[in-house]
mmCIF file of all heavy atoms, coordinates in Angstrom:
data_MODEL
# 
_entry.id   MODEL 
# 
loop_
_atom_site.group_PDB 
_atom_site.id 
_atom_site.type_symbol 
_atom_site.label_atom_id 
_atom_site.label_alt_id 
_atom_site.label_comp_id 
_atom_site.label_asym_id 
_atom_site.label_entity_id 
_atom_site.label_seq_id 
_atom_site.pdbx_PDB_ins_code 
_atom_site.Cartn_x 
_atom_site.Cartn_y 
_atom_site.Cartn_z 
_atom_site.occupancy 
_atom_site.B_iso_or_equiv 
_atom_site.pdbx_formal_charge 
_atom_site.auth_seq_id 
_atom_site.auth_comp_id 
_atom_site.auth_asym_id 
_atom_site.auth_atom_id 
_atom_site.pdbx_PDB_model_num 
ATOM 1   N N   . GLU A 1 1  ? 5.247   5.174  8.712   1.00 0.00 ? 1  GLU A N   1 
ATOM 2   C CA  . GLU A 1 1  ? 5.059   4.387  9.935   1.00 0.00 ? 1  GLU A CA  1 
ATOM 3   C C   . GLU A 1 1  ? 3.913   3.380  9.789   1.00 0.00 ? 1  GLU A C   1 
ATOM 4   O O   . GLU A 1 1  ? 3.602   2.656  10.723  1.00 0.00 ? 1  GLU A O   1 
ATOM 5   C CB  . GLU A 1 1  ? 4.773   5.311  11.126  1.00 0.00 ? 1  GLU A CB  1 
ATOM 6   C CG  . GLU A 1 1  ? 5.958   6.163  11.552  1.00 0.00 ? 1  GLU A CG  1 
ATOM 7   C CD  . GLU A 1 1  ? 7.133   5.304  12.003  1.00 0.00 ? 1  GLU A CD  1 
ATOM 8   O OE1 . GLU A 1 1  ? 6.910   4.302  12.712  1.00 0.00 ? 1  GLU A OE1 1 
ATOM 9   O OE2 . GLU A 1 1  ? 8.272   5.636  11.637  1.00 0.00 ? 1  GLU A OE2 1 
ATOM 10  N N   . LEU A 1 2  ? 3.291   3.345  8.616   1.00 0.00 ? 2  LEU A N   1 
ATOM 11  C CA  . LEU A 1 2  ? 2.167   2.434  8.397   1.00 0.00 ? 2  LEU A CA  1 
ATOM 12  C C   . LEU A 1 2  ? 2.590   0.976  8.585   1.00 0.00 ? 2  LEU A C   1 
ATOM 13  O O   . LEU A 1 2  ? 3.579   0.523  7.999   1.00 0.00 ? 2  LEU A O   1 
ATOM 14  C CB  . LEU A 1 2  ? 1.601   2.608  6.993   1.00 0.00 ? 2  LEU A CB  1 
ATOM 15  C CG  . LEU A 1 2  ? 0.516   3.665  6.776   1.00 0.00 ? 2  LEU A CG  1 
ATOM 16  C CD1 . LEU A 1 2  ? 0.066   3.648  5.322   1.00 0.00 ? 2  LEU A CD1 1 
ATOM 17  C CD2 . LEU A 1 2  ? -0.661  3.458  7.695   1.00 0.00 ? 2  LEU A CD2 1 
ATOM 18  N N   . ARG A 1 3  ? 1.813   0.268  9.397   1.00 0.00 ? 3  ARG A N   1 
ATOM 19  C CA  . ARG A 1 3  ? 2.008   -1.172 9.563   1.00 0.00 ? 3  ARG A CA  1 
ATOM 20  C C   . ARG A 1 3  ? 0.932   -1.962 8.819   1.00 0.00 ? 3  ARG A C   1 
ATOM 21  O O   . ARG A 1 3  ? 1.209   -3.033 8.292   1.00 0.00 ? 3  ARG A O   1 
ATOM 22  C CB  . ARG A 1 3  ? 1.936   -1.547 11.051  1.00 0.00 ? 3  ARG A CB  1 
ATOM 23  C CG  . ARG A 1 3  ? 3.271   -1.644 11.754  1.00 0.00 ? 3  ARG A CG  1 
ATOM 24  C CD  . ARG A 1 3  ? 3.953   -0.318 11.916  1.00 0.00 ? 3  ARG A CD  1 
ATOM 25  N NE  . ARG A 1 3  ? 5.088   -0.421 12.838  1.00 0.00 ? 3  ARG A NE  1 
ATOM 26  C CZ  . ARG A 1 3  ? 5.862   0.590  13.151  1.00 0.00 ? 3  ARG A CZ  1 
ATOM 27  N NH1 . ARG A 1 3  ? 5.654   1.789  12.610  1.00 0.00 ? 3  ARG A NH1 1 
ATOM 28  N NH2 . ARG A 1 3  ? 6.876   0.441  13.989  1.00 0.00 ? 3  ARG A NH2 1 
ATOM 29  N N   . THR A 1 4  ? -0.290  -1.415 8.800   1.00 0.00 ? 4  THR A N   1 
ATOM 30  C CA  . THR A 1 4  ? -1.424  -2.099 8.166   1.00 0.00 ? 4  THR A CA  1 
ATOM 31  C C   . THR A 1 4  ? -2.094  -1.153 7.180   1.00 0.00 ? 4  THR A C   1 
ATOM 32  O O   . THR A 1 4  ? -2.486  -0.045 7.547   1.00 0.00 ? 4  THR A O   1 
ATOM 33  C CB  . THR A 1 4  ? -2.455  -2.553 9.224   1.00 0.00 ? 4  THR A CB  1 
ATOM 34  O OG1 . THR A 1 4  ? -1.834  -3.443 10.146  1.00 0.00 ? 4  THR A OG1 1 
ATOM 35  C CG2 . THR A 1 4  ? -3.623  -3.256 8.556   1.00 0.00 ? 4  THR A CG2 1 
ATOM 36  N N   . LEU A 1 5  ? -2.241  -1.591 5.928   1.00 0.00 ? 5  LEU A N   1 
ATOM 37  C CA  . LEU A 1 5  ? -2.869  -0.775 4.890   1.00 0.00 ? 5  LEU A CA  1 
ATOM 38  C C   . LEU A 1 5  ? -3.852  -1.634 4.112   1.00 0.00 ? 5  LEU A C   1 
ATOM 39  O O   . LEU A 1 5  ? -3.488  -2.655 3.524   1.00 0.00 ? 5  LEU A O   1 
ATOM 40  C CB  . LEU A 1 5  ? -1.808  -0.207 3.943   1.00 0.00 ? 5  LEU A CB  1 
ATOM 41  C CG  . LEU A 1 5  ? -2.329  0.564  2.724   1.00 0.00 ? 5  LEU A CG  1 
ATOM 42  C CD1 . LEU A 1 5  ? -3.182  1.749  3.144   1.00 0.00 ? 5  LEU A CD1 1 
ATOM 43  C CD2 . LEU A 1 5  ? -1.161  1.024  1.844   1.00 0.00 ? 5  LEU A CD2 1 
ATOM 44  N N   . ASN A 1 6  ? -5.126  -1.206 4.108   1.00 0.00 ? 6  ASN A N   1 
ATOM 45  C CA  . ASN A 1 6  ? -6.174  -1.932 3.393   1.00 0.00 ? 6  ASN A CA  1 
ATOM 46  C C   . ASN A 1 6  ? -6.704  -1.066 2.258   1.00 0.00 ? 6  ASN A C   1 
ATOM 47  O O   . ASN A 1 6  ? -7.368  -0.057 2.496   1.00 0.00 ? 6  ASN A O   1 
ATOM 48  C CB  . ASN A 1 6  ? -7.297  -2.315 4.356   1.00 0.00 ? 6  ASN A CB  1 
ATOM 49  C CG  . ASN A 1 6  ? -8.265  -3.312 3.740   1.00 0.00 ? 6  ASN A CG  1 
ATOM 50  O OD1 . ASN A 1 6  ? -8.365  -3.433 2.517   1.00 0.00 ? 6  ASN A OD1 1 
ATOM 51  N ND2 . ASN A 1 6  ? -9.006  -4.022 4.574   1.00 0.00 ? 6  ASN A ND2 1 
ATOM 52  N N   . LEU A 1 7  ? -6.416  -1.470 1.028   1.00 0.00 ? 7  LEU A N   1 
ATOM 53  C CA  . LEU A 1 7  ? -6.868  -0.760 -0.170  1.00 0.00 ? 7  LEU A CA  1 
ATOM 54  C C   . LEU A 1 7  ? -7.884  -1.591 -0.956  1.00 0.00 ? 7  LEU A C   1 
ATOM 55  O O   . LEU A 1 7  ? -8.196  -1.281 -2.108  1.00 0.00 ? 7  LEU A O   1 
ATOM 56  C CB  . LEU A 1 7  ? -5.678  -0.461 -1.087  1.00 0.00 ? 7  LEU A CB  1 
ATOM 57  C CG  . LEU A 1 7  ? -4.549  0.384  -0.517  1.00 0.00 ? 7  LEU A CG  1 
ATOM 58  C CD1 . LEU A 1 7  ? -3.378  0.412  -1.489  1.00 0.00 ? 7  LEU A CD1 1 
ATOM 59  C CD2 . LEU A 1 7  ? -5.013  1.804  -0.220  1.00 0.00 ? 7  LEU A CD2 1 
ATOM 60  N N   . SER A 1 8  ? -8.415  -2.637 -0.356  1.00 0.00 ? 8  SER A N   1 
ATOM 61  C CA  . SER A 1 8  ? -9.275  -3.573 -1.076  1.00 0.00 ? 8  SER A CA  1 
ATOM 62  C C   . SER A 1 8  ? -10.594 -2.950 -1.520  1.00 0.00 ? 8  SER A C   1 
ATOM 63  O O   . SER A 1 8  ? -11.043 -1.945 -0.971  1.00 0.00 ? 8  SER A O   1 
ATOM 64  C CB  . SER A 1 8  ? -9.557  -4.801 -0.210  1.00 0.00 ? 8  SER A CB  1 
ATOM 65  O OG  . SER A 1 8  ? -10.320 -4.452 0.930   1.00 0.00 ? 8  SER A OG  1 
ATOM 66  N N   . ASN A 1 9  ? -11.204 -3.581 -2.528  1.00 0.00 ? 9  ASN A N   1 
ATOM 67  C CA  . ASN A 1 9  ? -12.516 -3.157 -3.030  1.00 0.00 ? 9  ASN A CA  1 
ATOM 68  C C   . ASN A 1 9  ? -12.548 -1.695 -3.448  1.00 0.00 ? 9  ASN A C   1 
ATOM 69  O O   . ASN A 1 9  ? -13.403 -0.923 -3.037  1.00 0.00 ? 9  ASN A O   1 
ATOM 70  C CB  . ASN A 1 9  ? -13.596 -3.436 -1.983  1.00 0.00 ? 9  ASN A CB  1 
ATOM 71  C CG  . ASN A 1 9  ? -13.868 -4.909 -1.791  1.00 0.00 ? 9  ASN A CG  1 
ATOM 72  O OD1 . ASN A 1 9  ? -14.634 -5.511 -2.536  1.00 0.00 ? 9  ASN A OD1 1 
ATOM 73  N ND2 . ASN A 1 9  ? -13.211 -5.496 -0.797  1.00 0.00 ? 9  ASN A ND2 1 
ATOM 74  N N   . ASN A 1 10 ? -11.570 -1.323 -4.271  1.00 0.00 ? 10 ASN A N   1 
ATOM 75  C CA  . ASN A 1 10 ? -11.556 -0.009 -4.901  1.00 0.00 ? 10 ASN A CA  1 
ATOM 76  C C   . ASN A 1 10 ? -11.456 -0.198 -6.414  1.00 0.00 ? 10 ASN A C   1 
ATOM 77  O O   . ASN A 1 10 ? -11.850 -1.256 -6.925  1.00 0.00 ? 10 ASN A O   1 
ATOM 78  C CB  . ASN A 1 10 ? -10.402 0.826  -4.348  1.00 0.00 ? 10 ASN A CB  1 
ATOM 79  C CG  . ASN A 1 10 ? -10.753 1.519  -3.041  1.00 0.00 ? 10 ASN A CG  1 
ATOM 80  O OD1 . ASN A 1 10 ? -11.471 2.519  -3.018  1.00 0.00 ? 10 ASN A OD1 1 
ATOM 81  N ND2 . ASN A 1 10 ? -10.251 0.980  -1.931  1.00 0.00 ? 10 ASN A ND2 1 
ATOM 82  N N   . GLU A 1 11 ? -10.919 0.781  -7.125  1.00 0.00 ? 11 GLU A N   1 
ATOM 83  C CA  . GLU A 1 11 ? -10.849 0.699  -8.585  1.00 0.00 ? 11 GLU A CA  1 
ATOM 84  C C   . GLU A 1 11 ? -9.437  0.963  -9.089  1.00 0.00 ? 11 GLU A C   1 
ATOM 85  O O   . GLU A 1 11 ? -9.236  1.539  -10.159 1.00 0.00 ? 11 GLU A O   1 
ATOM 86  C CB  . GLU A 1 11 ? -11.853 1.682  -9.199  1.00 0.00 ? 11 GLU A CB  1 
ATOM 87  C CG  . GLU A 1 11 ? -13.302 1.381  -8.802  1.00 0.00 ? 11 GLU A CG  1 
ATOM 88  C CD  . GLU A 1 11 ? -14.294 2.421  -9.281  1.00 0.00 ? 11 GLU A CD  1 
ATOM 89  O OE1 . GLU A 1 11 ? -13.888 3.317  -10.056 1.00 0.00 ? 11 GLU A OE1 1 
ATOM 90  O OE2 . GLU A 1 11 ? -15.478 2.349  -8.897  1.00 0.00 ? 11 GLU A OE2 1 
ATOM 91  N N   . PHE A 1 12 ? -8.444  0.497  -8.332  1.00 0.00 ? 12 PHE A N   1 
ATOM 92  C CA  . PHE A 1 12 ? -7.051  0.688  -8.725  1.00 0.00 ? 12 PHE A CA  1 
ATOM 93  C C   . PHE A 1 12 ? -6.698  -0.204 -9.910  1.00 0.00 ? 12 PHE A C   1 
ATOM 94  O O   . PHE A 1 12 ? -6.908  -1.410 -9.877  1.00 0.00 ? 12 PHE A O   1 
ATOM 95  C CB  . PHE A 1 12 ? -6.110  0.352  -7.563  1.00 0.00 ? 12 PHE A CB  1 
ATOM 96  C CG  . PHE A 1 12 ? -6.181  1.327  -6.414  1.00 0.00 ? 12 PHE A CG  1 
ATOM 97  C CD1 . PHE A 1 12 ? -6.809  0.979  -5.236  1.00 0.00 ? 12 PHE A CD1 1 
ATOM 98  C CD2 . PHE A 1 12 ? -5.610  2.580  -6.529  1.00 0.00 ? 12 PHE A CD2 1 
ATOM 99  C CE1 . PHE A 1 12 ? -6.878  1.862  -4.177  1.00 0.00 ? 12 PHE A CE1 1 
ATOM 100 C CE2 . PHE A 1 12 ? -5.668  3.479  -5.474  1.00 0.00 ? 12 PHE A CE2 1 
ATOM 101 C CZ  . PHE A 1 12 ? -6.306  3.128  -4.290  1.00 0.00 ? 12 PHE A CZ  1 
ATOM 102 N N   . ALA A 1 13 ? -6.138  0.401  -10.952 1.00 0.00 ? 13 ALA A N   1 
ATOM 103 C CA  . ALA A 1 13 ? -5.616  -0.356 -12.087 1.00 0.00 ? 13 ALA A CA  1 
ATOM 104 C C   . ALA A 1 13 ? -4.116  -0.564 -11.938 1.00 0.00 ? 13 ALA A C   1 
ATOM 105 O O   . ALA A 1 13 ? -3.532  -1.459 -12.557 1.00 0.00 ? 13 ALA A O   1 
ATOM 106 C CB  . ALA A 1 13 ? -5.912  0.361  -13.397 1.00 0.00 ? 13 ALA A CB  1 
ATOM 107 N N   . GLU A 1 14 ? -3.496  0.253  -11.094 1.00 0.00 ? 14 GLU A N   1 
ATOM 108 C CA  . GLU A 1 14 ? -2.076  0.120  -10.810 1.00 0.00 ? 14 GLU A CA  1 
ATOM 109 C C   . GLU A 1 14 ? -1.755  0.758  -9.469  1.00 0.00 ? 14 GLU A C   1 
ATOM 110 O O   . GLU A 1 14 ? -2.526  1.579  -8.959  1.00 0.00 ? 14 GLU A O   1 
ATOM 111 C CB  . GLU A 1 14 ? -1.223  0.758  -11.911 1.00 0.00 ? 14 GLU A CB  1 
ATOM 112 C CG  . GLU A 1 14 ? -1.450  2.252  -12.063 1.00 0.00 ? 14 GLU A CG  1 
ATOM 113 C CD  . GLU A 1 14 ? -0.568  2.868  -13.148 1.00 0.00 ? 14 GLU A CD  1 
ATOM 114 O OE1 . GLU A 1 14 ? 0.213   2.116  -13.778 1.00 0.00 ? 14 GLU A OE1 1 
ATOM 115 O OE2 . GLU A 1 14 ? -0.649  4.083  -13.346 1.00 0.00 ? 14 GLU A OE2 1 
ATOM 116 N N   . ILE A 1 15 ? -0.647  0.355  -8.902  1.00 0.00 ? 15 ILE A N   1 
ATOM 117 C CA  . ILE A 1 15 ? -0.144  0.938  -7.665  1.00 0.00 ? 15 ILE A CA  1 
ATOM 118 C C   . ILE A 1 15 ? 1.225   1.536  -7.961  1.00 0.00 ? 15 ILE A C   1 
ATOM 119 O O   . ILE A 1 15 ? 2.088   0.871  -8.545  1.00 0.00 ? 15 ILE A O   1 
ATOM 120 C CB  . ILE A 1 15 ? -0.024  -0.126 -6.547  1.00 0.00 ? 15 ILE A CB  1 
ATOM 121 C CG1 . ILE A 1 15 ? -1.402  -0.704 -6.223  1.00 0.00 ? 15 ILE A CG1 1 
ATOM 122 C CG2 . ILE A 1 15 ? 0.605   0.472  -5.290  1.00 0.00 ? 15 ILE A CG2 1 
ATOM 123 C CD1 . ILE A 1 15 ? -2.377  0.276  -5.613  1.00 0.00 ? 15 ILE A CD1 1 
ATOM 124 N N   . HIS A 1 16 ? 1.430   2.786  -7.549  1.00 0.00 ? 16 HIS A N   1 
ATOM 125 C CA  . HIS A 1 16 ? 2.681   3.485  -7.853  1.00 0.00 ? 16 HIS A CA  1 
ATOM 126 C C   . HIS A 1 16 ? 3.869   2.781  -7.204  1.00 0.00 ? 16 HIS A C   1 
ATOM 127 O O   . HIS A 1 16 ? 3.758   2.222  -6.108  1.00 0.00 ? 16 HIS A O   1 
ATOM 128 C CB  . HIS A 1 16 ? 2.588   4.934  -7.357  1.00 0.00 ? 16 HIS A CB  1 
ATOM 129 C CG  . HIS A 1 16 ? 3.606   5.840  -7.973  1.00 0.00 ? 16 HIS A CG  1 
ATOM 130 N ND1 . HIS A 1 16 ? 4.919   5.880  -7.559  1.00 0.00 ? 16 HIS A ND1 1 
ATOM 131 C CD2 . HIS A 1 16 ? 3.500   6.741  -8.981  1.00 0.00 ? 16 HIS A CD2 1 
ATOM 132 C CE1 . HIS A 1 16 ? 5.591   6.760  -8.279  1.00 0.00 ? 16 HIS A CE1 1 
ATOM 133 N NE2 . HIS A 1 16 ? 4.743   7.303  -9.159  1.00 0.00 ? 16 HIS A NE2 1 
ATOM 134 N N   . SER A 1 17 ? 4.995   2.813  -7.871  1.00 0.00 ? 17 SER A N   1 
ATOM 135 C CA  . SER A 1 17 ? 6.199   2.161  -7.358  1.00 0.00 ? 17 SER A CA  1 
ATOM 136 C C   . SER A 1 17 ? 6.674   2.762  -6.039  1.00 0.00 ? 17 SER A C   1 
ATOM 137 O O   . SER A 1 17 ? 7.454   2.132  -5.314  1.00 0.00 ? 17 SER A O   1 
ATOM 138 C CB  . SER A 1 17 ? 7.328   2.233  -8.399  1.00 0.00 ? 17 SER A CB  1 
ATOM 139 O OG  . SER A 1 17 ? 7.635   3.582  -8.705  1.00 0.00 ? 17 SER A OG  1 
ATOM 140 N N   . ASN A 1 18 ? 6.187   3.961  -5.712  1.00 0.00 ? 18 ASN A N   1 
ATOM 141 C CA  . ASN A 1 18 ? 6.569   4.584  -4.435  1.00 0.00 ? 18 ASN A CA  1 
ATOM 142 C C   . ASN A 1 18 ? 6.019   3.825  -3.231  1.00 0.00 ? 18 ASN A C   1 
ATOM 143 O O   . ASN A 1 18 ? 6.345   4.139  -2.093  1.00 0.00 ? 18 ASN A O   1 
ATOM 144 C CB  . ASN A 1 18 ? 6.085   6.034  -4.378  1.00 0.00 ? 18 ASN A CB  1 
ATOM 145 C CG  . ASN A 1 18 ? 6.934   6.961  -5.229  1.00 0.00 ? 18 ASN A CG  1 
ATOM 146 O OD1 . ASN A 1 18 ? 8.002   6.569  -5.691  1.00 0.00 ? 18 ASN A OD1 1 
ATOM 147 N ND2 . ASN A 1 18 ? 6.462   8.173  -5.455  1.00 0.00 ? 18 ASN A ND2 1 
ATOM 148 N N   . VAL A 1 19 ? 5.195   2.820  -3.482  1.00 0.00 ? 19 VAL A N   1 
ATOM 149 C CA  . VAL A 1 19 ? 4.721   1.987  -2.377  1.00 0.00 ? 19 VAL A CA  1 
ATOM 150 C C   . VAL A 1 19 ? 5.915   1.377  -1.640  1.00 0.00 ? 19 VAL A C   1 
ATOM 151 O O   . VAL A 1 19 ? 5.821   1.027  -0.462  1.00 0.00 ? 19 VAL A O   1 
ATOM 152 C CB  . VAL A 1 19 ? 3.761   0.893  -2.885  1.00 0.00 ? 19 VAL A CB  1 
ATOM 153 C CG1 . VAL A 1 19 ? 4.513   -0.156 -3.676  1.00 0.00 ? 19 VAL A CG1 1 
ATOM 154 C CG2 . VAL A 1 19 ? 2.981   0.265  -1.746  1.00 0.00 ? 19 VAL A CG2 1 
ATOM 155 N N   . SER A 1 20 ? 7.042   1.285  -2.326  1.00 0.00 ? 20 SER A N   1 
ATOM 156 C CA  . SER A 1 20 ? 8.246   0.739  -1.695  1.00 0.00 ? 20 SER A CA  1 
ATOM 157 C C   . SER A 1 20 ? 8.764   1.623  -0.569  1.00 0.00 ? 20 SER A C   1 
ATOM 158 O O   . SER A 1 20 ? 9.577   1.182  0.246   1.00 0.00 ? 20 SER A O   1 
ATOM 159 C CB  . SER A 1 20 ? 9.350   0.552  -2.746  1.00 0.00 ? 20 SER A CB  1 
ATOM 160 O OG  . SER A 1 20 ? 9.713   1.799  -3.324  1.00 0.00 ? 20 SER A OG  1 
ATOM 161 N N   . ASP A 1 21 ? 8.276   2.879  -0.496  1.00 0.00 ? 21 ASP A N   1 
ATOM 162 C CA  . ASP A 1 21 ? 8.682   3.782  0.589   1.00 0.00 ? 21 ASP A CA  1 
ATOM 163 C C   . ASP A 1 21 ? 8.006   3.432  1.910   1.00 0.00 ? 21 ASP A C   1 
ATOM 164 O O   . ASP A 1 21 ? 8.446   3.876  2.976   1.00 0.00 ? 21 ASP A O   1 
ATOM 165 C CB  . ASP A 1 21 ? 8.346   5.236  0.233   1.00 0.00 ? 21 ASP A CB  1 
ATOM 166 C CG  . ASP A 1 21 ? 9.194   5.769  -0.915  1.00 0.00 ? 21 ASP A CG  1 
ATOM 167 O OD1 . ASP A 1 21 ? 10.271  5.189  -1.157  1.00 0.00 ? 21 ASP A OD1 1 
ATOM 168 O OD2 . ASP A 1 21 ? 8.772   6.748  -1.551  1.00 0.00 ? 21 ASP A OD2 1 
ATOM 169 N N   . LEU A 1 22 ? 6.946   2.659  1.853   1.00 0.00 ? 22 LEU A N   1 
ATOM 170 C CA  . LEU A 1 22 ? 6.206   2.304  3.075   1.00 0.00 ? 22 LEU A CA  1 
ATOM 171 C C   . LEU A 1 22 ? 6.888   1.114  3.743   1.00 0.00 ? 22 LEU A C   1 
ATOM 172 O O   . LEU A 1 22 ? 6.326   0.031  3.893   1.00 0.00 ? 22 LEU A O   1 
ATOM 173 C CB  . LEU A 1 22 ? 4.751   1.991  2.733   1.00 0.00 ? 22 LEU A CB  1 
ATOM 174 C CG  . LEU A 1 22 ? 4.004   3.071  1.927   1.00 0.00 ? 22 LEU A CG  1 
ATOM 175 C CD1 . LEU A 1 22 ? 2.573   2.614  1.640   1.00 0.00 ? 22 LEU A CD1 1 
ATOM 176 C CD2 . LEU A 1 22 ? 3.992   4.397  2.684   1.00 0.00 ? 22 LEU A CD2 1 
ATOM 177 N N   . ILE A 1 23 ? 8.101   1.331  4.175   1.00 0.00 ? 23 ILE A N   1 
ATOM 178 C CA  . ILE A 1 23 ? 9.003   0.242  4.568   1.00 0.00 ? 23 ILE A CA  1 
ATOM 179 C C   . ILE A 1 23 ? 8.592   -0.469 5.856   1.00 0.00 ? 23 ILE A C   1 
ATOM 180 O O   . ILE A 1 23 ? 9.101   -1.555 6.141   1.00 0.00 ? 23 ILE A O   1 
ATOM 181 C CB  . ILE A 1 23 ? 10.440  0.753  4.719   1.00 0.00 ? 23 ILE A CB  1 
ATOM 182 C CG1 . ILE A 1 23 ? 10.498  1.915  5.723   1.00 0.00 ? 23 ILE A CG1 1 
ATOM 183 C CG2 . ILE A 1 23 ? 10.994  1.185  3.367   1.00 0.00 ? 23 ILE A CG2 1 
ATOM 184 C CD1 . ILE A 1 23 ? 11.904  2.372  6.032   1.00 0.00 ? 23 ILE A CD1 1 
ATOM 185 N N   . MET A 1 24 ? 7.670   0.091  6.636   1.00 0.00 ? 24 MET A N   1 
ATOM 186 C CA  . MET A 1 24 ? 7.257   -0.541 7.882   1.00 0.00 ? 24 MET A CA  1 
ATOM 187 C C   . MET A 1 24 ? 6.030   -1.435 7.710   1.00 0.00 ? 24 MET A C   1 
ATOM 188 O O   . MET A 1 24 ? 5.590   -2.076 8.665   1.00 0.00 ? 24 MET A O   1 
ATOM 189 C CB  . MET A 1 24 ? 6.961   0.525  8.945   1.00 0.00 ? 24 MET A CB  1 
ATOM 190 C CG  . MET A 1 24 ? 8.134   1.427  9.284   1.00 0.00 ? 24 MET A CG  1 
ATOM 191 S SD  . MET A 1 24 ? 9.565   0.522  9.893   1.00 0.00 ? 24 MET A SD  1 
ATOM 192 C CE  . MET A 1 24 ? 8.970   -0.008 11.494  1.00 0.00 ? 24 MET A CE  1 
ATOM 193 N N   . LEU A 1 25 ? 5.490   -1.514 6.501   1.00 0.00 ? 25 LEU A N   1 
ATOM 194 C CA  . LEU A 1 25 ? 4.270   -2.290 6.269   1.00 0.00 ? 25 LEU A CA  1 
ATOM 195 C C   . LEU A 1 25 ? 4.448   -3.759 6.650   1.00 0.00 ? 25 LEU A C   1 
ATOM 196 O O   . LEU A 1 25 ? 5.428   -4.398 6.276   1.00 0.00 ? 25 LEU A O   1 
ATOM 197 C CB  . LEU A 1 25 ? 3.846   -2.207 4.806   1.00 0.00 ? 25 LEU A CB  1 
ATOM 198 C CG  . LEU A 1 25 ? 2.912   -1.071 4.384   1.00 0.00 ? 25 LEU A CG  1 
ATOM 199 C CD1 . LEU A 1 25 ? 2.535   -1.225 2.921   1.00 0.00 ? 25 LEU A CD1 1 
ATOM 200 C CD2 . LEU A 1 25 ? 1.670   -1.015 5.250   1.00 0.00 ? 25 LEU A CD2 1 
ATOM 201 N N   . GLU A 1 26 ? 3.453   -4.261 7.381   1.00 0.00 ? 26 GLU A N   1 
ATOM 202 C CA  . GLU A 1 26 ? 3.418   -5.673 7.757   1.00 0.00 ? 26 GLU A CA  1 
ATOM 203 C C   . GLU A 1 26 ? 2.226   -6.390 7.116   1.00 0.00 ? 26 GLU A C   1 
ATOM 204 O O   . GLU A 1 26 ? 2.299   -7.583 6.841   1.00 0.00 ? 26 GLU A O   1 
ATOM 205 C CB  . GLU A 1 26 ? 3.345   -5.818 9.278   1.00 0.00 ? 26 GLU A CB  1 
ATOM 206 C CG  . GLU A 1 26 ? 4.582   -5.269 9.984   1.00 0.00 ? 26 GLU A CG  1 
ATOM 207 C CD  . GLU A 1 26 ? 4.454   -5.305 11.491  1.00 0.00 ? 26 GLU A CD  1 
ATOM 208 O OE1 . GLU A 1 26 ? 3.372   -5.699 11.994  1.00 0.00 ? 26 GLU A OE1 1 
ATOM 209 O OE2 . GLU A 1 26 ? 5.419   -4.934 12.179  1.00 0.00 ? 26 GLU A OE2 1 
ATOM 210 N N   . ILE A 1 27 ? 1.137   -5.645 6.889   1.00 0.00 ? 27 ILE A N   1 
ATOM 211 C CA  . ILE A 1 27 ? -0.069  -6.212 6.282   1.00 0.00 ? 27 ILE A CA  1 
ATOM 212 C C   . ILE A 1 27 ? -0.532  -5.284 5.157   1.00 0.00 ? 27 ILE A C   1 
ATOM 213 O O   . ILE A 1 27 ? -0.768  -4.101 5.387   1.00 0.00 ? 27 ILE A O   1 
ATOM 214 C CB  . ILE A 1 27 ? -1.199  -6.385 7.315   1.00 0.00 ? 27 ILE A CB  1 
ATOM 215 C CG1 . ILE A 1 27 ? -0.773  -7.342 8.434   1.00 0.00 ? 27 ILE A CG1 1 
ATOM 216 C CG2 . ILE A 1 27 ? -2.474  -6.886 6.647   1.00 0.00 ? 27 ILE A CG2 1 
ATOM 217 C CD1 . ILE A 1 27 ? -1.796  -7.467 9.554   1.00 0.00 ? 27 ILE A CD1 1 
# 
């Protein structure tokens, strides 16, 4: 149900392909 997700200013080298499951994301 996530509409807004802020992951900025961290240490991610990659984002898992399962991010595609967050189908309600707007931002």
